[in-house]
């Protein structure tokens, strides 16, 4: 039996309406009013690994691999794995570096364009 871990090259969070509707915790969703320089909490189900040595894209997910283009560039400041009622979770903090207000990609893998 191995250890199941998912490597994520981005941070994909749900739309804040899922929190408003009681479907998700607030940290599982994008902030209502994102601001450059602010630090936010995130929460993801399962054990996930993130790159901590530079900027990665922040995306919106609708689930099942349906991801938006990057909406911001972020730096993951910390990520911690923990168990809650026998389920694995990853929580952490990220800082907004830049918010994108266009339809361009802005990233090629980890490289900023």
Protein backbone atom coordinates (compact mmCIF):
# COMPACT_ATOMS: atom_id res chain seq x y z
CA UNK A 1 0.00 0.00 0.00
CA UNK A 2 1.43 3.37 -1.01
CA UNK A 3 0.85 6.92 0.08
CA UNK A 4 -1.63 8.75 -2.12
CA UNK A 5 -0.44 12.31 -2.85
CA UNK A 6 -1.48 14.74 -5.57
CA UNK A 7 0.99 17.25 -6.98
CA UNK A 8 -0.70 20.53 -7.97
CA UNK A 9 1.09 23.06 -10.23
CA UNK A 10 -1.62 25.62 -9.38
CA UNK A 11 -4.14 26.40 -6.66
CA UNK A 12 -7.70 25.78 -7.88
CA UNK A 13 -10.51 27.03 -5.64
CA UNK A 14 -14.29 27.18 -6.02
CA UNK A 15 -16.40 30.28 -6.63
CA UNK A 16 -17.41 32.03 -3.39
CA UNK A 17 -21.10 31.28 -4.09
CA UNK A 18 -20.43 27.67 -3.02
CA UNK A 19 -19.58 29.02 0.46
CA UNK A 20 -22.58 31.37 0.40
CA UNK A 21 -24.82 28.36 -0.40
CA UNK A 22 -23.30 26.30 2.43
CA UNK A 23 -21.70 23.75 0.08
CA UNK A 24 -18.06 24.54 0.96
CA UNK A 25 -15.94 26.11 3.67
CA UNK A 26 -14.80 29.67 2.97
CA UNK A 27 -11.13 28.64 2.58
CA UNK A 28 -12.14 26.23 -0.21
CA UNK A 29 -13.33 29.22 -2.27
CA UNK A 30 -11.87 32.28 -3.96
CA UNK A 31 -11.95 35.42 -1.80
CA UNK A 32 -14.81 37.86 -2.43
CA UNK A 33 -12.55 40.89 -2.78
CA UNK A 34 -9.05 39.78 -3.73
CA UNK A 35 -6.36 42.40 -3.27
CA UNK A 36 -2.72 42.35 -4.31
CA UNK A 37 -0.47 41.82 -1.29
CA UNK A 38 -3.18 40.25 0.86
CA UNK A 39 -2.74 36.82 2.42
CA UNK A 40 -5.60 34.31 2.31
CA UNK A 41 -6.23 30.82 3.70
CA UNK A 42 -6.90 27.85 1.47
CA UNK A 43 -8.31 24.38 2.12
CA UNK A 44 -8.21 21.40 -0.26
CA UNK A 45 -9.43 17.83 0.22
CA UNK A 46 -6.73 15.14 0.10
CA UNK A 47 -2.97 15.31 0.52
CA UNK A 48 -1.57 17.82 -1.98
CA UNK A 49 1.88 19.15 -2.76
CA UNK A 50 2.50 22.70 -4.00
CA UNK A 51 5.61 24.49 -5.28
CA UNK A 52 6.77 26.98 -2.63
CA UNK A 53 9.72 28.64 -4.40
CA UNK A 54 7.91 31.11 -6.64
CA UNK A 55 4.68 32.19 -8.25
CA UNK A 56 1.96 29.78 -9.35
CA UNK A 57 -1.44 30.43 -10.94
CA UNK A 58 -4.64 30.80 -8.94
CA UNK A 59 -7.57 29.27 -10.84
CA UNK A 60 -11.28 28.81 -10.38
CA UNK A 61 -12.47 25.20 -10.53
CA UNK A 62 -15.94 23.86 -11.15
CA UNK A 63 -14.75 20.34 -10.34
CA UNK A 64 -14.05 17.34 -12.59
CA UNK A 65 -10.98 19.11 -14.08
CA UNK A 66 -12.95 22.15 -15.30
CA UNK A 67 -10.43 24.93 -14.69
CA UNK A 68 -10.38 28.61 -15.63
CA UNK A 69 -7.42 30.48 -17.04
CA UNK A 70 -5.26 31.97 -14.28
CA UNK A 71 -7.11 34.75 -12.45
CA UNK A 72 -4.11 35.71 -10.31
CA UNK A 73 -0.48 34.95 -9.62
CA UNK A 74 0.15 33.78 -6.06
CA UNK A 75 2.88 32.54 -3.78
CA UNK A 76 2.04 29.65 -1.46
CA UNK A 77 3.44 30.63 1.95
CA UNK A 78 2.64 27.40 3.80
CA UNK A 79 0.86 24.09 3.29
CA UNK A 80 0.00 21.60 6.02
CA UNK A 81 -1.58 18.15 5.83
CA UNK A 82 -4.02 17.05 8.53
CA UNK A 83 -6.75 14.52 9.28
CA UNK A 84 -10.31 15.55 10.06
CA UNK A 85 -12.67 12.72 11.00
CA UNK A 86 -10.43 10.27 9.16
CA UNK A 87 -10.24 12.33 5.95
CA UNK A 88 -7.01 13.85 4.65
CA UNK A 89 -6.94 17.60 3.98
CA UNK A 90 -4.36 20.22 2.98
CA UNK A 91 -4.61 23.74 4.37
CA UNK A 92 -2.35 26.72 3.98
CA UNK A 93 -1.83 30.36 3.19
CA UNK A 94 -1.17 32.18 -0.07
CA UNK A 95 -0.31 35.74 -1.04
CA UNK A 96 -1.69 37.53 -4.09
CA UNK A 97 1.14 38.86 -6.30
CA UNK A 98 -0.91 40.07 -9.28
CA UNK A 99 -4.56 39.92 -10.34
CA UNK A 100 -5.30 39.30 -14.03
CA UNK A 101 -8.19 41.15 -15.63
CA UNK A 102 -7.89 39.76 -19.16
CA UNK A 103 -8.22 36.45 -21.00
CA UNK A 104 -4.49 35.82 -21.55
CA UNK A 105 -2.76 32.77 -20.08
CA UNK A 106 0.05 34.52 -18.10
CA UNK A 107 1.73 31.16 -17.30
CA UNK A 108 3.45 28.38 -19.23
CA UNK A 109 3.68 25.72 -16.56
CA UNK A 110 5.48 27.48 -13.71
CA UNK A 111 7.01 30.15 -15.95
CA UNK A 112 5.32 33.54 -15.95
CA UNK A 113 4.71 34.83 -19.47
